[in-house]
Amino acid sequence: TIVRHKAPLLMVVLSNSVYGWIKASQKA
């Protein structure tokens, strides 16, 4: 959809291979 509309968005993926909020809560 973004490409079709040529929307000049900046997208940033924080890639850490985990559902981090849940794993951090399992740790704590």
mmCIF file of all heavy atoms, coordinates in Angstrom:
data_MODEL
# 
_entry.id   MODEL 
# 
loop_
_atom_site.group_PDB 
_atom_site.id 
_atom_site.type_symbol 
_atom_site.label_atom_id 
_atom_site.label_alt_id 
_atom_site.label_comp_id 
_atom_site.label_asym_id 
_atom_site.label_entity_id 
_atom_site.label_seq_id 
_atom_site.pdbx_PDB_ins_code 
_atom_site.Cartn_x 
_atom_site.Cartn_y 
_atom_site.Cartn_z 
_atom_site.occupancy 
_atom_site.B_iso_or_equiv 
_atom_site.pdbx_formal_charge 
_atom_site.auth_seq_id 
_atom_site.auth_comp_id 
_atom_site.auth_asym_id 
_atom_site.auth_atom_id 
_atom_site.pdbx_PDB_model_num 
ATOM 1   N N   . THR A 1 1  ? 0.839  -1.204  0.000  1.00 0.00 ? 1  THR A N   1 
ATOM 2   C CA  . THR A 1 1  ? 0.000  0.000   0.000  1.00 0.00 ? 1  THR A CA  1 
ATOM 3   C C   . THR A 1 1  ? 0.869  1.248   0.000  1.00 0.00 ? 1  THR A C   1 
ATOM 4   O O   . THR A 1 1  ? 0.606  2.211   -0.731 1.00 0.00 ? 1  THR A O   1 
ATOM 5   C CB  . THR A 1 1  ? -0.916 0.004   1.240  1.00 0.00 ? 1  THR A CB  1 
ATOM 6   O OG1 . THR A 1 1  ? -1.563 -1.266  1.367  1.00 0.00 ? 1  THR A OG1 1 
ATOM 7   C CG2 . THR A 1 1  ? -1.955 1.103   1.148  1.00 0.00 ? 1  THR A CG2 1 
ATOM 8   N N   . ILE A 1 2  ? 1.906  1.231   0.798  1.00 0.00 ? 2  ILE A N   1 
ATOM 9   C CA  . ILE A 1 2  ? 2.820  2.372   0.901  1.00 0.00 ? 2  ILE A CA  1 
ATOM 10  C C   . ILE A 1 2  ? 3.505  2.638   -0.432 1.00 0.00 ? 2  ILE A C   1 
ATOM 11  O O   . ILE A 1 2  ? 3.600  3.783   -0.893 1.00 0.00 ? 2  ILE A O   1 
ATOM 12  C CB  . ILE A 1 2  ? 3.836  2.115   2.036  1.00 0.00 ? 2  ILE A CB  1 
ATOM 13  C CG1 . ILE A 1 2  ? 3.130  2.129   3.396  1.00 0.00 ? 2  ILE A CG1 1 
ATOM 14  C CG2 . ILE A 1 2  ? 4.967  3.134   2.002  1.00 0.00 ? 2  ILE A CG2 1 
ATOM 15  C CD1 . ILE A 1 2  ? 3.955  1.543   4.527  1.00 0.00 ? 2  ILE A CD1 1 
ATOM 16  N N   . VAL A 1 3  ? 3.970  1.575   -1.087 1.00 0.00 ? 3  VAL A N   1 
ATOM 17  C CA  . VAL A 1 3  ? 4.640  1.715   -2.386 1.00 0.00 ? 3  VAL A CA  1 
ATOM 18  C C   . VAL A 1 3  ? 3.655  2.199   -3.446 1.00 0.00 ? 3  VAL A C   1 
ATOM 19  O O   . VAL A 1 3  ? 3.967  3.072   -4.269 1.00 0.00 ? 3  VAL A O   1 
ATOM 20  C CB  . VAL A 1 3  ? 5.291  0.385   -2.801 1.00 0.00 ? 3  VAL A CB  1 
ATOM 21  C CG1 . VAL A 1 3  ? 5.779  0.441   -4.240 1.00 0.00 ? 3  VAL A CG1 1 
ATOM 22  C CG2 . VAL A 1 3  ? 6.457  0.055   -1.862 1.00 0.00 ? 3  VAL A CG2 1 
ATOM 23  N N   . ARG A 1 4  ? 2.447  1.657   -3.429 1.00 0.00 ? 4  ARG A N   1 
ATOM 24  C CA  . ARG A 1 4  ? 1.439  2.038   -4.420 1.00 0.00 ? 4  ARG A CA  1 
ATOM 25  C C   . ARG A 1 4  ? 1.143  3.538   -4.360 1.00 0.00 ? 4  ARG A C   1 
ATOM 26  O O   . ARG A 1 4  ? 0.914  4.189   -5.375 1.00 0.00 ? 4  ARG A O   1 
ATOM 27  C CB  . ARG A 1 4  ? 0.160  1.228   -4.179 1.00 0.00 ? 4  ARG A CB  1 
ATOM 28  C CG  . ARG A 1 4  ? -0.918 1.461   -5.204 1.00 0.00 ? 4  ARG A CG  1 
ATOM 29  C CD  . ARG A 1 4  ? -2.162 0.596   -5.002 1.00 0.00 ? 4  ARG A CD  1 
ATOM 30  N NE  . ARG A 1 4  ? -2.109 -0.347  -3.924 1.00 0.00 ? 4  ARG A NE  1 
ATOM 31  C CZ  . ARG A 1 4  ? -2.936 -0.310  -2.865 1.00 0.00 ? 4  ARG A CZ  1 
ATOM 32  N NH1 . ARG A 1 4  ? -3.848 0.633   -2.752 1.00 0.00 ? 4  ARG A NH1 1 
ATOM 33  N NH2 . ARG A 1 4  ? -2.844 -1.229  -1.931 1.00 0.00 ? 4  ARG A NH2 1 
ATOM 34  N N   . HIS A 1 5  ? 1.159  4.094   -3.144 1.00 0.00 ? 5  HIS A N   1 
ATOM 35  C CA  . HIS A 1 5  ? 0.874  5.521   -2.981 1.00 0.00 ? 5  HIS A CA  1 
ATOM 36  C C   . HIS A 1 5  ? 2.141  6.385   -2.959 1.00 0.00 ? 5  HIS A C   1 
ATOM 37  O O   . HIS A 1 5  ? 2.055  7.599   -2.755 1.00 0.00 ? 5  HIS A O   1 
ATOM 38  C CB  . HIS A 1 5  ? 0.055  5.743   -1.707 1.00 0.00 ? 5  HIS A CB  1 
ATOM 39  C CG  . HIS A 1 5  ? -1.352 5.249   -1.827 1.00 0.00 ? 5  HIS A CG  1 
ATOM 40  N ND1 . HIS A 1 5  ? -2.337 5.990   -2.443 1.00 0.00 ? 5  HIS A ND1 1 
ATOM 41  C CD2 . HIS A 1 5  ? -1.930 4.081   -1.448 1.00 0.00 ? 5  HIS A CD2 1 
ATOM 42  C CE1 . HIS A 1 5  ? -3.474 5.303   -2.421 1.00 0.00 ? 5  HIS A CE1 1 
ATOM 43  N NE2 . HIS A 1 5  ? -3.257 4.146   -1.831 1.00 0.00 ? 5  HIS A NE2 1 
ATOM 44  N N   . LYS A 1 6  ? 3.285  5.745   -3.148 1.00 0.00 ? 6  LYS A N   1 
ATOM 45  C CA  . LYS A 1 6  ? 4.566  6.460   -3.173 1.00 0.00 ? 6  LYS A CA  1 
ATOM 46  C C   . LYS A 1 6  ? 4.735  7.347   -1.938 1.00 0.00 ? 6  LYS A C   1 
ATOM 47  O O   . LYS A 1 6  ? 5.242  8.469   -2.010 1.00 0.00 ? 6  LYS A O   1 
ATOM 48  C CB  . LYS A 1 6  ? 4.687  7.311   -4.456 1.00 0.00 ? 6  LYS A CB  1 
ATOM 49  C CG  . LYS A 1 6  ? 4.607  6.502   -5.748 1.00 0.00 ? 6  LYS A CG  1 
ATOM 50  C CD  . LYS A 1 6  ? 4.737  7.406   -6.966 1.00 0.00 ? 6  LYS A CD  1 
ATOM 51  C CE  . LYS A 1 6  ? 4.770  6.622   -8.269 1.00 0.00 ? 6  LYS A CE  1 
ATOM 52  N NZ  . LYS A 1 6  ? 3.540  5.848   -8.512 1.00 0.00 ? 6  LYS A NZ  1 
ATOM 53  N N   . ALA A 1 7  ? 4.327  6.840   -0.810 1.00 0.00 ? 7  ALA A N   1 
ATOM 54  C CA  . ALA A 1 7  ? 4.411  7.598   0.443  1.00 0.00 ? 7  ALA A CA  1 
ATOM 55  C C   . ALA A 1 7  ? 5.854  7.608   0.936  1.00 0.00 ? 7  ALA A C   1 
ATOM 56  O O   . ALA A 1 7  ? 6.436  6.544   1.173  1.00 0.00 ? 7  ALA A O   1 
ATOM 57  C CB  . ALA A 1 7  ? 3.503  6.984   1.494  1.00 0.00 ? 7  ALA A CB  1 
ATOM 58  N N   . PRO A 1 8  ? 6.461  8.781   1.134  1.00 0.00 ? 8  PRO A N   1 
ATOM 59  C CA  . PRO A 1 8  ? 7.873  8.849   1.531  1.00 0.00 ? 8  PRO A CA  1 
ATOM 60  C C   . PRO A 1 8  ? 8.076  8.623   3.030  1.00 0.00 ? 8  PRO A C   1 
ATOM 61  O O   . PRO A 1 8  ? 8.661  9.442   3.735  1.00 0.00 ? 8  PRO A O   1 
ATOM 62  C CB  . PRO A 1 8  ? 8.265  10.266  1.113  1.00 0.00 ? 8  PRO A CB  1 
ATOM 63  C CG  . PRO A 1 8  ? 7.000  11.062  1.271  1.00 0.00 ? 8  PRO A CG  1 
ATOM 64  C CD  . PRO A 1 8  ? 5.874  10.125  0.902  1.00 0.00 ? 8  PRO A CD  1 
ATOM 65  N N   . LEU A 1 9  ? 7.577  7.494   3.513  1.00 0.00 ? 9  LEU A N   1 
ATOM 66  C CA  . LEU A 1 9  ? 7.706  7.186   4.933  1.00 0.00 ? 9  LEU A CA  1 
ATOM 67  C C   . LEU A 1 9  ? 9.121  6.728   5.257  1.00 0.00 ? 9  LEU A C   1 
ATOM 68  O O   . LEU A 1 9  ? 9.791  6.094   4.439  1.00 0.00 ? 9  LEU A O   1 
ATOM 69  C CB  . LEU A 1 9  ? 6.740  6.068   5.336  1.00 0.00 ? 9  LEU A CB  1 
ATOM 70  C CG  . LEU A 1 9  ? 5.248  6.252   5.089  1.00 0.00 ? 9  LEU A CG  1 
ATOM 71  C CD1 . LEU A 1 9  ? 4.479  5.076   5.688  1.00 0.00 ? 9  LEU A CD1 1 
ATOM 72  C CD2 . LEU A 1 9  ? 4.749  7.571   5.648  1.00 0.00 ? 9  LEU A CD2 1 
ATOM 73  N N   . LEU A 1 10 ? 9.557  7.031   6.471  1.00 0.00 ? 10 LEU A N   1 
ATOM 74  C CA  . LEU A 1 10 ? 10.762 6.423   7.026  1.00 0.00 ? 10 LEU A CA  1 
ATOM 75  C C   . LEU A 1 10 ? 10.302 5.343   7.992  1.00 0.00 ? 10 LEU A C   1 
ATOM 76  O O   . LEU A 1 10 ? 9.598  5.626   8.960  1.00 0.00 ? 10 LEU A O   1 
ATOM 77  C CB  . LEU A 1 10 ? 11.609 7.455   7.765  1.00 0.00 ? 10 LEU A CB  1 
ATOM 78  C CG  . LEU A 1 10 ? 12.760 6.888   8.611  1.00 0.00 ? 10 LEU A CG  1 
ATOM 79  C CD1 . LEU A 1 10 ? 13.758 6.127   7.755  1.00 0.00 ? 10 LEU A CD1 1 
ATOM 80  C CD2 . LEU A 1 10 ? 13.452 7.995   9.402  1.00 0.00 ? 10 LEU A CD2 1 
ATOM 81  N N   . MET A 1 11 ? 10.684 4.106   7.715  1.00 0.00 ? 11 MET A N   1 
ATOM 82  C CA  . MET A 1 11 ? 10.323 2.986   8.586  1.00 0.00 ? 11 MET A CA  1 
ATOM 83  C C   . MET A 1 11 ? 11.591 2.421   9.220  1.00 0.00 ? 11 MET A C   1 
ATOM 84  O O   . MET A 1 11 ? 12.584 2.192   8.526  1.00 0.00 ? 11 MET A O   1 
ATOM 85  C CB  . MET A 1 11 ? 9.592  1.910   7.788  1.00 0.00 ? 11 MET A CB  1 
ATOM 86  C CG  . MET A 1 11 ? 8.233  2.365   7.268  1.00 0.00 ? 11 MET A CG  1 
ATOM 87  S SD  . MET A 1 11 ? 7.505  1.242   6.047  1.00 0.00 ? 11 MET A SD  1 
ATOM 88  C CE  . MET A 1 11 ? 8.378  1.766   4.558  1.00 0.00 ? 11 MET A CE  1 
ATOM 89  N N   . VAL A 1 12 ? 11.535 2.234   10.536 1.00 0.00 ? 12 VAL A N   1 
ATOM 90  C CA  . VAL A 1 12 ? 12.676 1.700   11.270 1.00 0.00 ? 12 VAL A CA  1 
ATOM 91  C C   . VAL A 1 12 ? 12.214 0.450   12.014 1.00 0.00 ? 12 VAL A C   1 
ATOM 92  O O   . VAL A 1 12 ? 11.249 0.497   12.791 1.00 0.00 ? 12 VAL A O   1 
ATOM 93  C CB  . VAL A 1 12 ? 13.236 2.731   12.270 1.00 0.00 ? 12 VAL A CB  1 
ATOM 94  C CG1 . VAL A 1 12 ? 14.426 2.146   13.025 1.00 0.00 ? 12 VAL A CG1 1 
ATOM 95  C CG2 . VAL A 1 12 ? 13.626 4.021   11.563 1.00 0.00 ? 12 VAL A CG2 1 
ATOM 96  N N   . VAL A 1 13 ? 12.894 -0.664  11.748 1.00 0.00 ? 13 VAL A N   1 
ATOM 97  C CA  . VAL A 1 13 ? 12.590 -1.913  12.449 1.00 0.00 ? 13 VAL A CA  1 
ATOM 98  C C   . VAL A 1 13 ? 13.691 -2.171  13.471 1.00 0.00 ? 13 VAL A C   1 
ATOM 99  O O   . VAL A 1 13 ? 14.875 -2.225  13.118 1.00 0.00 ? 13 VAL A O   1 
ATOM 100 C CB  . VAL A 1 13 ? 12.500 -3.102  11.475 1.00 0.00 ? 13 VAL A CB  1 
ATOM 101 C CG1 . VAL A 1 13 ? 12.141 -4.377  12.235 1.00 0.00 ? 13 VAL A CG1 1 
ATOM 102 C CG2 . VAL A 1 13 ? 11.472 -2.831  10.383 1.00 0.00 ? 13 VAL A CG2 1 
ATOM 103 N N   . LEU A 1 14 ? 13.293 -2.294  14.736 1.00 0.00 ? 14 LEU A N   1 
ATOM 104 C CA  . LEU A 1 14 ? 14.231 -2.716  15.774 1.00 0.00 ? 14 LEU A CA  1 
ATOM 105 C C   . LEU A 1 14 ? 14.153 -4.238  15.829 1.00 0.00 ? 14 LEU A C   1 
ATOM 106 O O   . LEU A 1 14 ? 13.225 -4.816  16.397 1.00 0.00 ? 14 LEU A O   1 
ATOM 107 C CB  . LEU A 1 14 ? 13.856 -2.088  17.121 1.00 0.00 ? 14 LEU A CB  1 
ATOM 108 C CG  . LEU A 1 14 ? 13.882 -0.554  17.149 1.00 0.00 ? 14 LEU A CG  1 
ATOM 109 C CD1 . LEU A 1 14 ? 13.441 -0.034  18.519 1.00 0.00 ? 14 LEU A CD1 1 
ATOM 110 C CD2 . LEU A 1 14 ? 15.262 -0.025  16.812 1.00 0.00 ? 14 LEU A CD2 1 
ATOM 111 N N   . SER A 1 15 ? 15.116 -4.870  15.196 1.00 0.00 ? 15 SER A N   1 
ATOM 112 C CA  . SER A 1 15 ? 15.076 -6.308  14.966 1.00 0.00 ? 15 SER A CA  1 
ATOM 113 C C   . SER A 1 15 ? 15.834 -7.044  16.068 1.00 0.00 ? 15 SER A C   1 
ATOM 114 O O   . SER A 1 15 ? 17.058 -6.923  16.176 1.00 0.00 ? 15 SER A O   1 
ATOM 115 C CB  . SER A 1 15 ? 15.699 -6.616  13.599 1.00 0.00 ? 15 SER A CB  1 
ATOM 116 O OG  . SER A 1 15 ? 15.749 -7.999  13.384 1.00 0.00 ? 15 SER A OG  1 
ATOM 117 N N   . ASN A 1 16 ? 15.089 -7.782  16.899 1.00 0.00 ? 16 ASN A N   1 
ATOM 118 C CA  . ASN A 1 16 ? 15.758 -8.519  17.969 1.00 0.00 ? 16 ASN A CA  1 
ATOM 119 C C   . ASN A 1 16 ? 15.235 -9.956  18.122 1.00 0.00 ? 16 ASN A C   1 
ATOM 120 O O   . ASN A 1 16 ? 15.553 -10.635 19.089 1.00 0.00 ? 16 ASN A O   1 
ATOM 121 C CB  . ASN A 1 16 ? 15.647 -7.773  19.301 1.00 0.00 ? 16 ASN A CB  1 
ATOM 122 C CG  . ASN A 1 16 ? 14.228 -7.332  19.620 1.00 0.00 ? 16 ASN A CG  1 
ATOM 123 O OD1 . ASN A 1 16 ? 13.260 -7.972  19.191 1.00 0.00 ? 16 ASN A OD1 1 
ATOM 124 N ND2 . ASN A 1 16 ? 14.096 -6.249  20.351 1.00 0.00 ? 16 ASN A ND2 1 
ATOM 125 N N   . SER A 1 17 ? 14.406 -10.396 17.193 1.00 0.00 ? 17 SER A N   1 
ATOM 126 C CA  . SER A 1 17 ? 13.977 -11.805 17.115 1.00 0.00 ? 17 SER A CA  1 
ATOM 127 C C   . SER A 1 17 ? 13.275 -12.298 18.379 1.00 0.00 ? 17 SER A C   1 
ATOM 128 O O   . SER A 1 17 ? 13.464 -13.444 18.788 1.00 0.00 ? 17 SER A O   1 
ATOM 129 C CB  . SER A 1 17 ? 15.182 -12.714 16.834 1.00 0.00 ? 17 SER A CB  1 
ATOM 130 O OG  . SER A 1 17 ? 15.865 -12.288 15.691 1.00 0.00 ? 17 SER A OG  1 
ATOM 131 N N   . VAL A 1 18 ? 12.453 -11.415 18.961 1.00 0.00 ? 18 VAL A N   1 
ATOM 132 C CA  . VAL A 1 18 ? 11.788 -11.812 20.202 1.00 0.00 ? 18 VAL A CA  1 
ATOM 133 C C   . VAL A 1 18 ? 10.576 -10.914 20.429 1.00 0.00 ? 18 VAL A C   1 
ATOM 134 O O   . VAL A 1 18 ? 10.554 -9.756  19.996 1.00 0.00 ? 18 VAL A O   1 
ATOM 135 C CB  . VAL A 1 18 ? 12.780 -11.689 21.390 1.00 0.00 ? 18 VAL A CB  1 
ATOM 136 C CG1 . VAL A 1 18 ? 13.217 -10.240 21.607 1.00 0.00 ? 18 VAL A CG1 1 
ATOM 137 C CG2 . VAL A 1 18 ? 12.190 -12.252 22.682 1.00 0.00 ? 18 VAL A CG2 1 
ATOM 138 N N   . TYR A 1 19 ? 9.572  -11.466 21.073 1.00 0.00 ? 19 TYR A N   1 
ATOM 139 C CA  . TYR A 1 19 ? 8.507  -10.622 21.622 1.00 0.00 ? 19 TYR A CA  1 
ATOM 140 C C   . TYR A 1 19 ? 9.057  -10.069 22.937 1.00 0.00 ? 19 TYR A C   1 
ATOM 141 O O   . TYR A 1 19 ? 8.899  -10.644 24.016 1.00 0.00 ? 19 TYR A O   1 
ATOM 142 C CB  . TYR A 1 19 ? 7.227  -11.430 21.833 1.00 0.00 ? 19 TYR A CB  1 
ATOM 143 C CG  . TYR A 1 19 ? 6.520  -11.736 20.526 1.00 0.00 ? 19 TYR A CG  1 
ATOM 144 C CD1 . TYR A 1 19 ? 6.359  -13.043 20.081 1.00 0.00 ? 19 TYR A CD1 1 
ATOM 145 C CD2 . TYR A 1 19 ? 6.018  -10.710 19.737 1.00 0.00 ? 19 TYR A CD2 1 
ATOM 146 C CE1 . TYR A 1 19 ? 5.726  -13.318 18.866 1.00 0.00 ? 19 TYR A CE1 1 
ATOM 147 C CE2 . TYR A 1 19 ? 5.383  -10.975 18.521 1.00 0.00 ? 19 TYR A CE2 1 
ATOM 148 C CZ  . TYR A 1 19 ? 5.242  -12.274 18.106 1.00 0.00 ? 19 TYR A CZ  1 
ATOM 149 O OH  . TYR A 1 19 ? 4.613  -12.535 16.899 1.00 0.00 ? 19 TYR A OH  1 
ATOM 150 N N   . GLY A 1 20 ? 9.754  -8.926  22.785 1.00 0.00 ? 20 GLY A N   1 
ATOM 151 C CA  . GLY A 1 20 ? 10.646 -8.456  23.835 1.00 0.00 ? 20 GLY A CA  1 
ATOM 152 C C   . GLY A 1 20 ? 9.970  -8.068  25.123 1.00 0.00 ? 20 GLY A C   1 
ATOM 153 O O   . GLY A 1 20 ? 10.510 -8.299  26.212 1.00 0.00 ? 20 GLY A O   1 
ATOM 154 N N   . TRP A 1 21 ? 8.799  -7.446  25.026 1.00 0.00 ? 21 TRP A N   1 
ATOM 155 C CA  . TRP A 1 21 ? 8.139  -6.996  26.255 1.00 0.00 ? 21 TRP A CA  1 
ATOM 156 C C   . TRP A 1 21 ? 7.812  -8.194  27.144 1.00 0.00 ? 21 TRP A C   1 
ATOM 157 O O   . TRP A 1 21 ? 8.009  -8.154  28.358 1.00 0.00 ? 21 TRP A O   1 
ATOM 158 C CB  . TRP A 1 21 ? 6.863  -6.229  25.898 1.00 0.00 ? 21 TRP A CB  1 
ATOM 159 C CG  . TRP A 1 21 ? 6.287  -5.501  27.070 1.00 0.00 ? 21 TRP A CG  1 
ATOM 160 C CD1 . TRP A 1 21 ? 5.494  -6.007  28.051 1.00 0.00 ? 21 TRP A CD1 1 
ATOM 161 C CD2 . TRP A 1 21 ? 6.505  -4.117  27.401 1.00 0.00 ? 21 TRP A CD2 1 
ATOM 162 N NE1 . TRP A 1 21 ? 5.189  -5.035  28.965 1.00 0.00 ? 21 TRP A NE1 1 
ATOM 163 C CE2 . TRP A 1 21 ? 5.789  -3.878  28.591 1.00 0.00 ? 21 TRP A CE2 1 
ATOM 164 C CE3 . TRP A 1 21 ? 7.206  -3.084  26.802 1.00 0.00 ? 21 TRP A CE3 1 
ATOM 165 C CZ2 . TRP A 1 21 ? 5.762  -2.610  29.195 1.00 0.00 ? 21 TRP A CZ2 1 
ATOM 166 C CZ3 . TRP A 1 21 ? 7.184  -1.835  27.402 1.00 0.00 ? 21 TRP A CZ3 1 
ATOM 167 C CH2 . TRP A 1 21 ? 6.471  -1.607  28.585 1.00 0.00 ? 21 TRP A CH2 1 
ATOM 168 N N   . ILE A 1 22 ? 7.362  -9.272  26.545 1.00 0.00 ? 22 ILE A N   1 
ATOM 169 C CA  . ILE A 1 22 ? 6.986  -10.450 27.316 1.00 0.00 ? 22 ILE A CA  1 
ATOM 170 C C   . ILE A 1 22 ? 8.231  -11.141 27.873 1.00 0.00 ? 22 ILE A C   1 
ATOM 171 O O   . ILE A 1 22 ? 8.260  -11.558 29.042 1.00 0.00 ? 22 ILE A O   1 
ATOM 172 C CB  . ILE A 1 22 ? 6.166  -11.426 26.453 1.00 0.00 ? 22 ILE A CB  1 
ATOM 173 C CG1 . ILE A 1 22 ? 4.965  -10.706 25.843 1.00 0.00 ? 22 ILE A CG1 1 
ATOM 174 C CG2 . ILE A 1 22 ? 5.705  -12.618 27.287 1.00 0.00 ? 22 ILE A CG2 1 
ATOM 175 C CD1 . ILE A 1 22 ? 4.083  -9.984  26.838 1.00 0.00 ? 22 ILE A CD1 1 
ATOM 176 N N   . LYS A 1 23 ? 9.271  -11.225 27.060 1.00 0.00 ? 23 LYS A N   1 
ATOM 177 C CA  . LYS A 1 23 ? 10.483 -11.897 27.550 1.00 0.00 ? 23 LYS A CA  1 
ATOM 178 C C   . LYS A 1 23 ? 11.113 -11.105 28.695 1.00 0.00 ? 23 LYS A C   1 
ATOM 179 O O   . LYS A 1 23 ? 11.581 -11.699 29.673 1.00 0.00 ? 23 LYS A O   1 
ATOM 180 C CB  . LYS A 1 23 ? 11.490 -12.080 26.412 1.00 0.00 ? 23 LYS A CB  1 
ATOM 181 C CG  . LYS A 1 23 ? 12.660 -12.995 26.806 1.00 0.00 ? 23 LYS A CG  1 
ATOM 182 C CD  . LYS A 1 23 ? 13.456 -13.455 25.602 1.00 0.00 ? 23 LYS A CD  1 
ATOM 183 C CE  . LYS A 1 23 ? 14.520 -14.465 25.996 1.00 0.00 ? 23 LYS A CE  1 
ATOM 184 N NZ  . LYS A 1 23 ? 15.257 -14.999 24.838 1.00 0.00 ? 23 LYS A NZ  1 
ATOM 185 N N   . ALA A 1 24 ? 11.116 -9.777  28.575 1.00 0.00 ? 24 ALA A N   1 
ATOM 186 C CA  . ALA A 1 24 ? 11.650 -8.963  29.668 1.00 0.00 ? 24 ALA A CA  1 
ATOM 187 C C   . ALA A 1 24 ? 10.824 -9.139  30.937 1.00 0.00 ? 24 ALA A C   1 
ATOM 188 O O   . ALA A 1 24 ? 11.367 -9.163  32.051 1.00 0.00 ? 24 ALA A O   1 
ATOM 189 C CB  . ALA A 1 24 ? 11.690 -7.496  29.246 1.00 0.00 ? 24 ALA A CB  1 
ATOM 190 N N   . SER A 1 25 ? 9.521  -9.279  30.786 1.00 0.00 ? 25 SER A N   1 
ATOM 191 C CA  . SER A 1 25 ? 8.660  -9.497  31.953 1.00 0.00 ? 25 SER A CA  1 
ATOM 192 C C   . SER A 1 25 ? 8.879  -10.887 32.539 1.00 0.00 ? 25 SER A C   1 
ATOM 193 O O   . SER A 1 25 ? 8.819  -11.072 33.766 1.00 0.00 ? 25 SER A O   1 
ATOM 194 C CB  . SER A 1 25 ? 7.196  -9.310  31.561 1.00 0.00 ? 25 SER A CB  1 
ATOM 195 O OG  . SER A 1 25 ? 6.951  -7.982  31.143 1.00 0.00 ? 25 SER A OG  1 
ATOM 196 N N   . GLN A 1 26 ? 9.143  -11.880 31.677 1.00 0.00 ? 26 GLN A N   1 
ATOM 197 C CA  . GLN A 1 26 ? 9.477  -13.216 32.183 1.00 0.00 ? 26 GLN A CA  1 
ATOM 198 C C   . GLN A 1 26 ? 10.789 -13.203 32.955 1.00 0.00 ? 26 GLN A C   1 
ATOM 199 O O   . GLN A 1 26 ? 10.947 -13.917 33.945 1.00 0.00 ? 26 GLN A O   1 
ATOM 200 C CB  . GLN A 1 26 ? 9.552  -14.214 31.024 1.00 0.00 ? 26 GLN A CB  1 
ATOM 201 C CG  . GLN A 1 26 ? 8.195  -14.551 30.424 1.00 0.00 ? 26 GLN A CG  1 
ATOM 202 C CD  . GLN A 1 26 ? 8.276  -15.433 29.197 1.00 0.00 ? 26 GLN A CD  1 
ATOM 203 O OE1 . GLN A 1 26 ? 9.320  -15.494 28.539 1.00 0.00 ? 26 GLN A OE1 1 
ATOM 204 N NE2 . GLN A 1 26 ? 7.184  -16.106 28.860 1.00 0.00 ? 26 GLN A NE2 1 
ATOM 205 N N   . LYS A 1 27 ? 11.720 -12.358 32.522 1.00 0.00 ? 27 LYS A N   1 
ATOM 206 C CA  . LYS A 1 27 ? 12.990 -12.232 33.234 1.00 0.00 ? 27 LYS A CA  1 
ATOM 207 C C   . LYS A 1 27 ? 12.786 -11.582 34.594 1.00 0.00 ? 27 LYS A C   1 
ATOM 208 O O   . LYS A 1 27 ? 13.310 -12.051 35.610 1.00 0.00 ? 27 LYS A O   1 
ATOM 209 C CB  . LYS A 1 27 ? 13.973 -11.411 32.404 1.00 0.00 ? 27 LYS A CB  1 
ATOM 210 C CG  . LYS A 1 27 ? 15.324 -11.203 33.087 1.00 0.00 ? 27 LYS A CG  1 
ATOM 211 C CD  . LYS A 1 27 ? 16.264 -10.395 32.203 1.00 0.00 ? 27 LYS A CD  1 
ATOM 212 C CE  . LYS A 1 27 ? 17.639 -10.217 32.863 1.00 0.00 ? 27 LYS A CE  1 
ATOM 213 N NZ  . LYS A 1 27 ? 18.565 -9.458  31.977 1.00 0.00 ? 27 LYS A NZ  1 
ATOM 214 N N   . ALA A 1 28 ? 11.994 -10.486 34.614 1.00 0.00 ? 28 ALA A N   1 
ATOM 215 C CA  . ALA A 1 28 ? 11.839 -9.718  35.852 1.00 0.00 ? 28 ALA A CA  1 
ATOM 216 C C   . ALA A 1 28 ? 10.937 -10.406 36.865 1.00 0.00 ? 28 ALA A C   1 
ATOM 217 O O   . ALA A 1 28 ? 11.195 -10.333 38.073 1.00 0.00 ? 28 ALA A O   1 
ATOM 218 C CB  . ALA A 1 28 ? 11.278 -8.331  35.523 1.00 0.00 ? 28 ALA A CB  1 
# 
